[in-house]
Amino acid sequence: MEGRIARHFTLEYWTDEGWFVGRLKEVPGVFSQGESLEELQENIRDAYRLMTEEDVHPPVSAQTREIGIEV
């Protein structure tokens, strides 16, 4: 990991049907799960790396649209 900087995030997690499920509070869209808290932590690190890789781009045909949702 030479040349890499360690960043620190908040892992918010819960259990769901025996799985540890979690997300990084500071990084929208980074969710994962694991059979143990340790596995969740490994998987969430992998999910973060995948989300922040330079080669990851939305499909060329991706579009956005603002919608309203009543809550």
PDB file of N, CA and C in Angstrom:
ATOM      1  N   MET A   1       0.811  -1.194   0.000  1.00  0.00           N
ATOM      2  CA  MET A   1       0.000   0.000   0.000  1.00  0.00           C
ATOM      3  C   MET A   1       0.855   1.257   0.000  1.00  0.00           C
ATOM      4  N   GLU A   2       2.011   1.151  -0.530  1.00  0.00           N
ATOM      5  CA  GLU A   2       2.910   2.300  -0.577  1.00  0.00           C
ATOM      6  C   GLU A   2       2.296   3.413  -1.405  1.00  0.00           C
ATOM      7  N   GLY A   3       2.343   4.635  -0.878  1.00  0.00           N
ATOM      8  CA  GLY A   3       1.803   5.768  -1.589  1.00  0.00           C
ATOM      9  C   GLY A   3       0.312   5.975  -1.404  1.00  0.00           C
ATOM     10  N   ARG A   4      -0.358   5.089  -0.698  1.00  0.00           N
ATOM     11  CA  ARG A   4      -1.788   5.229  -0.474  1.00  0.00           C
ATOM     12  C   ARG A   4      -2.034   5.945   0.845  1.00  0.00           C
ATOM     13  N   ILE A   5      -3.109   6.684   0.884  1.00  0.00           N
ATOM     14  CA  ILE A   5      -3.500   7.408   2.088  1.00  0.00           C
ATOM     15  C   ILE A   5      -4.694   6.705   2.704  1.00  0.00           C
ATOM     16  N   ALA A   6      -4.654   6.480   4.010  1.00  0.00           N
ATOM     17  CA  ALA A   6      -5.788   5.875   4.707  1.00  0.00           C
ATOM     18  C   ALA A   6      -6.844   6.940   4.958  1.00  0.00           C
ATOM     19  N   ARG A   7      -8.059   6.665   4.544  1.00  0.00           N
ATOM     20  CA  ARG A   7      -9.194   7.547   4.827  1.00  0.00           C
ATOM     21  C   ARG A   7     -10.074   6.838   5.839  1.00  0.00           C
ATOM     22  N   HIS A   8     -10.743   7.582   6.652  1.00  0.00           N
ATOM     23  CA  HIS A   8     -11.592   7.007   7.687  1.00  0.00           C
ATOM     24  C   HIS A   8     -13.039   7.417   7.461  1.00  0.00           C
ATOM     25  N   PHE A   9     -13.933   6.434   7.539  1.00  0.00           N
ATOM     26  CA  PHE A   9     -15.350   6.644   7.337  1.00  0.00           C
ATOM     27  C   PHE A   9     -16.124   5.982   8.471  1.00  0.00           C
ATOM     28  N   THR A  10     -17.396   6.332   8.566  1.00  0.00           N
ATOM     29  CA  THR A  10     -18.271   5.740   9.572  1.00  0.00           C
ATOM     30  C   THR A  10     -19.042   4.597   8.948  1.00  0.00           C
ATOM     31  N   LEU A  11     -18.857   3.389   9.483  1.00  0.00           N
ATOM     32  CA  LEU A  11     -19.612   2.229   9.033  1.00  0.00           C
ATOM     33  C   LEU A  11     -20.859   2.121   9.901  1.00  0.00           C
ATOM     34  N   GLU A  12     -22.014   2.313   9.293  1.00  0.00           N
ATOM     35  CA  GLU A  12     -23.291   2.128   9.985  1.00  0.00           C
ATOM     36  C   GLU A  12     -23.775   0.738   9.593  1.00  0.00           C
ATOM     37  N   TYR A  13     -24.069  -0.108  10.581  1.00  0.00           N
ATOM     38  CA  TYR A  13     -24.454  -1.480  10.239  1.00  0.00           C
ATOM     39  C   TYR A  13     -25.579  -1.977  11.123  1.00  0.00           C
ATOM     40  N   TRP A  14     -26.237  -3.032  10.638  1.00  0.00           N
ATOM     41  CA  TRP A  14     -27.339  -3.665  11.332  1.00  0.00           C
ATOM     42  C   TRP A  14     -27.376  -5.126  10.906  1.00  0.00           C
ATOM     43  N   THR A  15     -28.188  -5.929  11.563  1.00  0.00           N
ATOM     44  CA  THR A  15     -28.334  -7.322  11.173  1.00  0.00           C
ATOM     45  C   THR A  15     -29.692  -7.511  10.506  1.00  0.00           C
ATOM     46  N   ASP A  16     -29.698  -8.353   9.487  1.00  0.00           N
ATOM     47  CA  ASP A  16     -30.913  -8.634   8.734  1.00  0.00           C
ATOM     48  C   ASP A  16     -30.899 -10.109   8.358  1.00  0.00           C
ATOM     49  N   GLU A  17     -31.764 -10.873   9.004  1.00  0.00           N
ATOM     50  CA  GLU A  17     -31.868 -12.316   8.760  1.00  0.00           C
ATOM     51  C   GLU A  17     -30.514 -13.012   8.877  1.00  0.00           C
ATOM     52  N   GLY A  18     -29.758 -12.655   9.916  1.00  0.00           N
ATOM     53  CA  GLY A  18     -28.480 -13.300  10.183  1.00  0.00           C
ATOM     54  C   GLY A  18     -27.285 -12.698   9.475  1.00  0.00           C
ATOM     55  N   TRP A  19     -27.492 -11.727   8.598  1.00  0.00           N
ATOM     56  CA  TRP A  19     -26.406 -11.064   7.875  1.00  0.00           C
ATOM     57  C   TRP A  19     -26.106  -9.721   8.510  1.00  0.00           C
ATOM     58  N   PHE A  20     -24.848  -9.340   8.491  1.00  0.00           N
ATOM     59  CA  PHE A  20     -24.450  -7.985   8.869  1.00  0.00           C
ATOM     60  C   PHE A  20     -24.510  -7.154   7.590  1.00  0.00           C
ATOM     61  N   VAL A  21     -25.309  -6.104   7.607  1.00  0.00           N
ATOM     62  CA  VAL A  21     -25.510  -5.242   6.453  1.00  0.00           C
ATOM     63  C   VAL A  21     -25.056  -3.847   6.850  1.00  0.00           C
ATOM     64  N   GLY A  22     -24.370  -3.146   5.959  1.00  0.00           N
ATOM     65  CA  GLY A  22     -23.898  -1.827   6.343  1.00  0.00           C
ATOM     66  C   GLY A  22     -23.666  -0.900   5.174  1.00  0.00           C
ATOM     67  N   ARG A  23     -23.403   0.355   5.552  1.00  0.00           N
ATOM     68  CA  ARG A  23     -23.130   1.390   4.559  1.00  0.00           C
ATOM     69  C   ARG A  23     -22.115   2.361   5.135  1.00  0.00           C
ATOM     70  N   LEU A  24     -21.428   3.058   4.255  1.00  0.00           N
ATOM     71  CA  LEU A  24     -20.547   4.138   4.682  1.00  0.00           C
ATOM     72  C   LEU A  24     -21.376   5.411   4.701  1.00  0.00           C
ATOM     73  N   LYS A  25     -21.534   6.005   5.868  1.00  0.00           N
ATOM     74  CA  LYS A  25     -22.407   7.175   6.004  1.00  0.00           C
ATOM     75  C   LYS A  25     -21.953   8.348   5.149  1.00  0.00           C
ATOM     76  N   GLU A  26     -20.654   8.525   4.997  1.00  0.00           N
ATOM     77  CA  GLU A  26     -20.132   9.675   4.265  1.00  0.00           C
ATOM     78  C   GLU A  26     -20.070   9.470   2.750  1.00  0.00           C
ATOM     79  N   VAL A  27     -20.324   8.250   2.280  1.00  0.00           N
ATOM     80  CA  VAL A  27     -20.193   7.961   0.846  1.00  0.00           C
ATOM     81  C   VAL A  27     -21.488   7.310   0.356  1.00  0.00           C
ATOM     82  N   PRO A  28     -22.411   8.102  -0.177  1.00  0.00           N
ATOM     83  CA  PRO A  28     -23.682   7.548  -0.658  1.00  0.00           C
ATOM     84  C   PRO A  28     -23.460   6.439  -1.677  1.00  0.00           C
ATOM     85  N   GLY A  29     -24.226   5.379  -1.550  1.00  0.00           N
ATOM     86  CA  GLY A  29     -24.169   4.295  -2.518  1.00  0.00           C
ATOM     87  C   GLY A  29     -23.207   3.175  -2.180  1.00  0.00           C
ATOM     88  N   VAL A  30     -22.443   3.292  -1.095  1.00  0.00           N
ATOM     89  CA  VAL A  30     -21.515   2.222  -0.723  1.00  0.00           C
ATOM     90  C   VAL A  30     -22.167   1.383   0.380  1.00  0.00           C
ATOM     91  N   PHE A  31     -22.742   0.255  -0.039  1.00  0.00           N
ATOM     92  CA  PHE A  31     -23.390  -0.700   0.841  1.00  0.00           C
ATOM     93  C   PHE A  31     -22.731  -2.058   0.646  1.00  0.00           C
ATOM     94  N   SER A  32     -22.824  -2.913   1.654  1.00  0.00           N
ATOM     95  CA  SER A  32     -22.369  -4.287   1.499  1.00  0.00           C
ATOM     96  C   SER A  32     -22.960  -5.121   2.618  1.00  0.00           C
ATOM     97  N   GLN A  33     -22.579  -6.398   2.648  1.00  0.00           N
ATOM     98  CA  GLN A  33     -23.044  -7.308   3.682  1.00  0.00           C
ATOM     99  C   GLN A  33     -21.999  -8.376   3.923  1.00  0.00           C
ATOM    100  N   GLY A  34     -22.144  -9.105   5.013  1.00  0.00           N
ATOM    101  CA  GLY A  34     -21.239 -10.200   5.332  1.00  0.00           C
ATOM    102  C   GLY A  34     -21.850 -11.092   6.393  1.00  0.00           C
ATOM    103  N   GLU A  35     -21.322 -12.296   6.498  1.00  0.00           N
ATOM    104  CA  GLU A  35     -21.823 -13.230   7.496  1.00  0.00           C
ATOM    105  C   GLU A  35     -21.329 -12.882   8.889  1.00  0.00           C
ATOM    106  N   SER A  36     -20.294 -12.030   8.982  1.00  0.00           N
ATOM    107  CA  SER A  36     -19.773 -11.559  10.265  1.00  0.00           C
ATOM    108  C   SER A  36     -19.435 -10.076  10.110  1.00  0.00           C
ATOM    109  N   LEU A  37     -19.217  -9.417  11.238  1.00  0.00           N
ATOM    110  CA  LEU A  37     -18.845  -8.008  11.187  1.00  0.00           C
ATOM    111  C   LEU A  37     -17.510  -7.840  10.470  1.00  0.00           C
ATOM    112  N   GLU A  38     -16.581  -8.760  10.697  1.00  0.00           N
ATOM    113  CA  GLU A  38     -15.278  -8.694  10.034  1.00  0.00           C
ATOM    114  C   GLU A  38     -15.425  -8.826   8.520  1.00  0.00           C
ATOM    115  N   GLU A  39     -16.290  -9.760   8.073  1.00  0.00           N
ATOM    116  CA  GLU A  39     -16.499  -9.938   6.636  1.00  0.00           C
ATOM    117  C   GLU A  39     -17.183  -8.705   6.042  1.00  0.00           C
ATOM    118  N   LEU A  40     -18.136  -8.129   6.769  1.00  0.00           N
ATOM    119  CA  LEU A  40     -18.771  -6.894   6.306  1.00  0.00           C
ATOM    120  C   LEU A  40     -17.731  -5.802   6.110  1.00  0.00           C
ATOM    121  N   GLN A  41     -16.818  -5.646   7.064  1.00  0.00           N
ATOM    122  CA  GLN A  41     -15.784  -4.606   6.951  1.00  0.00           C
ATOM    123  C   GLN A  41     -14.902  -4.837   5.729  1.00  0.00           C
ATOM    124  N   GLU A  42     -14.520  -6.079   5.470  1.00  0.00           N
ATOM    125  CA  GLU A  42     -13.729  -6.378   4.270  1.00  0.00           C
ATOM    126  C   GLU A  42     -14.522  -6.044   3.005  1.00  0.00           C
ATOM    127  N   ASN A  43     -15.786  -6.465   2.990  1.00  0.00           N
ATOM    128  CA  ASN A  43     -16.617  -6.259   1.802  1.00  0.00           C
ATOM    129  C   ASN A  43     -16.914  -4.784   1.562  1.00  0.00           C
ATOM    130  N   ILE A  44     -17.102  -4.012   2.631  1.00  0.00           N
ATOM    131  CA  ILE A  44     -17.393  -2.585   2.456  1.00  0.00           C
ATOM    132  C   ILE A  44     -16.156  -1.859   1.934  1.00  0.00           C
ATOM    133  N   ARG A  45     -14.961  -2.308   2.342  1.00  0.00           N
ATOM    134  CA  ARG A  45     -13.729  -1.729   1.782  1.00  0.00           C
ATOM    135  C   ARG A  45     -13.651  -2.007   0.282  1.00  0.00           C
ATOM    136  N   ASP A  46     -13.964  -3.248  -0.105  1.00  0.00           N
ATOM    137  CA  ASP A  46     -13.961  -3.599  -1.525  1.00  0.00           C
ATOM    138  C   ASP A  46     -14.991  -2.774  -2.299  1.00  0.00           C
ATOM    139  N   ALA A  47     -16.183  -2.614  -1.728  1.00  0.00           N
ATOM    140  CA  ALA A  47     -17.226  -1.825  -2.385  1.00  0.00           C
ATOM    141  C   ALA A  47     -16.780  -0.381  -2.566  1.00  0.00           C
ATOM    142  N   TYR A  48     -16.120   0.181  -1.544  1.00  0.00           N
ATOM    143  CA  TYR A  48     -15.617   1.556  -1.648  1.00  0.00           C
ATOM    144  C   TYR A  48     -14.581   1.660  -2.764  1.00  0.00           C
ATOM    145  N   ARG A  49     -13.659   0.720  -2.800  1.00  0.00           N
ATOM    146  CA  ARG A  49     -12.622   0.749  -3.848  1.00  0.00           C
ATOM    147  C   ARG A  49     -13.244   0.667  -5.236  1.00  0.00           C
ATOM    148  N   LEU A  50     -14.240  -0.201  -5.394  1.00  0.00           N
ATOM    149  CA  LEU A  50     -14.902  -0.317  -6.697  1.00  0.00           C
ATOM    150  C   LEU A  50     -15.612   0.977  -7.087  1.00  0.00           C
ATOM    151  N   MET A  51     -16.238   1.636  -6.121  1.00  0.00           N
ATOM    152  CA  MET A  51     -16.969   2.873  -6.405  1.00  0.00           C
ATOM    153  C   MET A  51     -16.028   4.031  -6.744  1.00  0.00           C
ATOM    154  N   THR A  52     -14.793   3.973  -6.266  1.00  0.00           N
ATOM    155  CA  THR A  52     -13.896   5.105  -6.465  1.00  0.00           C
ATOM    156  C   THR A  52     -12.829   4.859  -7.530  1.00  0.00           C
ATOM    157  N   GLU A  53     -12.853   3.692  -8.163  1.00  0.00           N
ATOM    158  CA  GLU A  53     -11.887   3.436  -9.233  1.00  0.00           C
ATOM    159  C   GLU A  53     -12.140   4.388 -10.387  1.00  0.00           C
ATOM    160  N   GLU A  54     -11.085   4.869 -10.984  1.00  0.00           N
ATOM    161  CA  GLU A  54     -11.194   5.808 -12.098  1.00  0.00           C
ATOM    162  C   GLU A  54     -11.852   5.188 -13.318  1.00  0.00           C
ATOM    163  N   ASP A  55     -11.744   3.859 -13.482  1.00  0.00           N
ATOM    164  CA  ASP A  55     -12.282   3.201 -14.662  1.00  0.00           C
ATOM    165  C   ASP A  55     -13.784   2.964 -14.579  1.00  0.00           C
ATOM    166  N   VAL A  56     -14.397   3.231 -13.446  1.00  0.00           N
ATOM    167  CA  VAL A  56     -15.824   2.975 -13.275  1.00  0.00           C
ATOM    168  C   VAL A  56     -16.605   4.211 -13.727  1.00  0.00           C
ATOM    169  N   HIS A  57     -17.381   4.041 -14.794  1.00  0.00           N
ATOM    170  CA  HIS A  57     -18.175   5.135 -15.338  1.00  0.00           C
ATOM    171  C   HIS A  57     -19.590   4.627 -15.590  1.00  0.00           C
ATOM    172  N   PRO A  58     -20.582   5.497 -15.496  1.00  0.00           N
ATOM    173  CA  PRO A  58     -21.940   5.059 -15.842  1.00  0.00           C
ATOM    174  C   PRO A  58     -22.017   4.756 -17.330  1.00  0.00           C
ATOM    175  N   PRO A  59     -22.940   3.907 -17.732  1.00  0.00           N
ATOM    176  CA  PRO A  59     -23.090   3.615 -19.153  1.00  0.00           C
ATOM    177  C   PRO A  59     -23.338   4.899 -19.950  1.00  0.00           C
ATOM    178  N   VAL A  60     -22.873   4.916 -21.177  1.00  0.00           N
ATOM    179  CA  VAL A  60     -23.015   6.094 -22.028  1.00  0.00           C
ATOM    180  C   VAL A  60     -24.489   6.467 -22.171  1.00  0.00           C
ATOM    181  N   SER A  61     -25.367   5.481 -22.168  1.00  0.00           N
ATOM    182  CA  SER A  61     -26.793   5.747 -22.371  1.00  0.00           C
ATOM    183  C   SER A  61     -27.516   6.131 -21.073  1.00  0.00           C
ATOM    184  N   ALA A  62     -26.798   6.227 -19.943  1.00  0.00           N
ATOM    185  CA  ALA A  62     -27.438   6.559 -18.671  1.00  0.00           C
ATOM    186  C   ALA A  62     -28.026   7.958 -18.720  1.00  0.00           C
ATOM    187  N   GLN A  63     -29.228   8.098 -18.186  1.00  0.00           N
ATOM    188  CA  GLN A  63     -29.907   9.375 -18.133  1.00  0.00           C
ATOM    189  C   GLN A  63     -30.388   9.620 -16.710  1.00  0.00           C
ATOM    190  N   THR A  64     -30.712  10.846 -16.400  1.00  0.00           N
ATOM    191  CA  THR A  64     -31.266  11.153 -15.085  1.00  0.00           C
ATOM    192  C   THR A  64     -32.576  11.908 -15.269  1.00  0.00           C
ATOM    193  N   ARG A  65     -33.403  11.824 -14.261  1.00  0.00           N
ATOM    194  CA  ARG A  65     -34.678  12.535 -14.274  1.00  0.00           C
ATOM    195  C   ARG A  65     -35.051  12.819 -12.837  1.00  0.00           C
ATOM    196  N   GLU A  66     -35.443  14.040 -12.563  1.00  0.00           N
ATOM    197  CA  GLU A  66     -35.892  14.396 -11.221  1.00  0.00           C
ATOM    198  C   GLU A  66     -37.340  13.961 -11.067  1.00  0.00           C
ATOM    199  N   ILE A  67     -37.645  13.300  -9.959  1.00  0.00           N
ATOM    200  CA  ILE A  67     -39.009  12.854  -9.701  1.00  0.00           C
ATOM    201  C   ILE A  67     -39.415  13.302  -8.305  1.00  0.00           C
ATOM    202  N   GLY A  68     -40.695  13.411  -8.072  1.00  0.00           N
ATOM    203  CA  GLY A  68     -41.211  13.735  -6.750  1.00  0.00           C
ATOM    204  C   GLY A  68     -41.773  12.497  -6.083  1.00  0.00           C
ATOM    205  N   ILE A  69     -41.524  12.368  -4.794  1.00  0.00           N
ATOM    206  CA  ILE A  69     -42.046  11.251  -4.028  1.00  0.00           C
ATOM    207  C   ILE A  69     -42.672  11.807  -2.758  1.00  0.00           C
ATOM    208  N   GLU A  70     -43.938  11.532  -2.542  1.00  0.00           N
ATOM    209  CA  GLU A  70     -44.598  12.002  -1.324  1.00  0.00           C
ATOM    210  C   GLU A  70     -44.216  11.088  -0.171  1.00  0.00           C
ATOM    211  N   VAL A  71     -43.856  11.698   0.955  1.00  0.00           N
ATOM    212  CA  VAL A  71     -43.499  10.916   2.143  1.00  0.00           C
ATOM    213  C   VAL A  71     -44.341  11.321   3.322  1.00  0.00           C
TER     214      VAL A  71
END
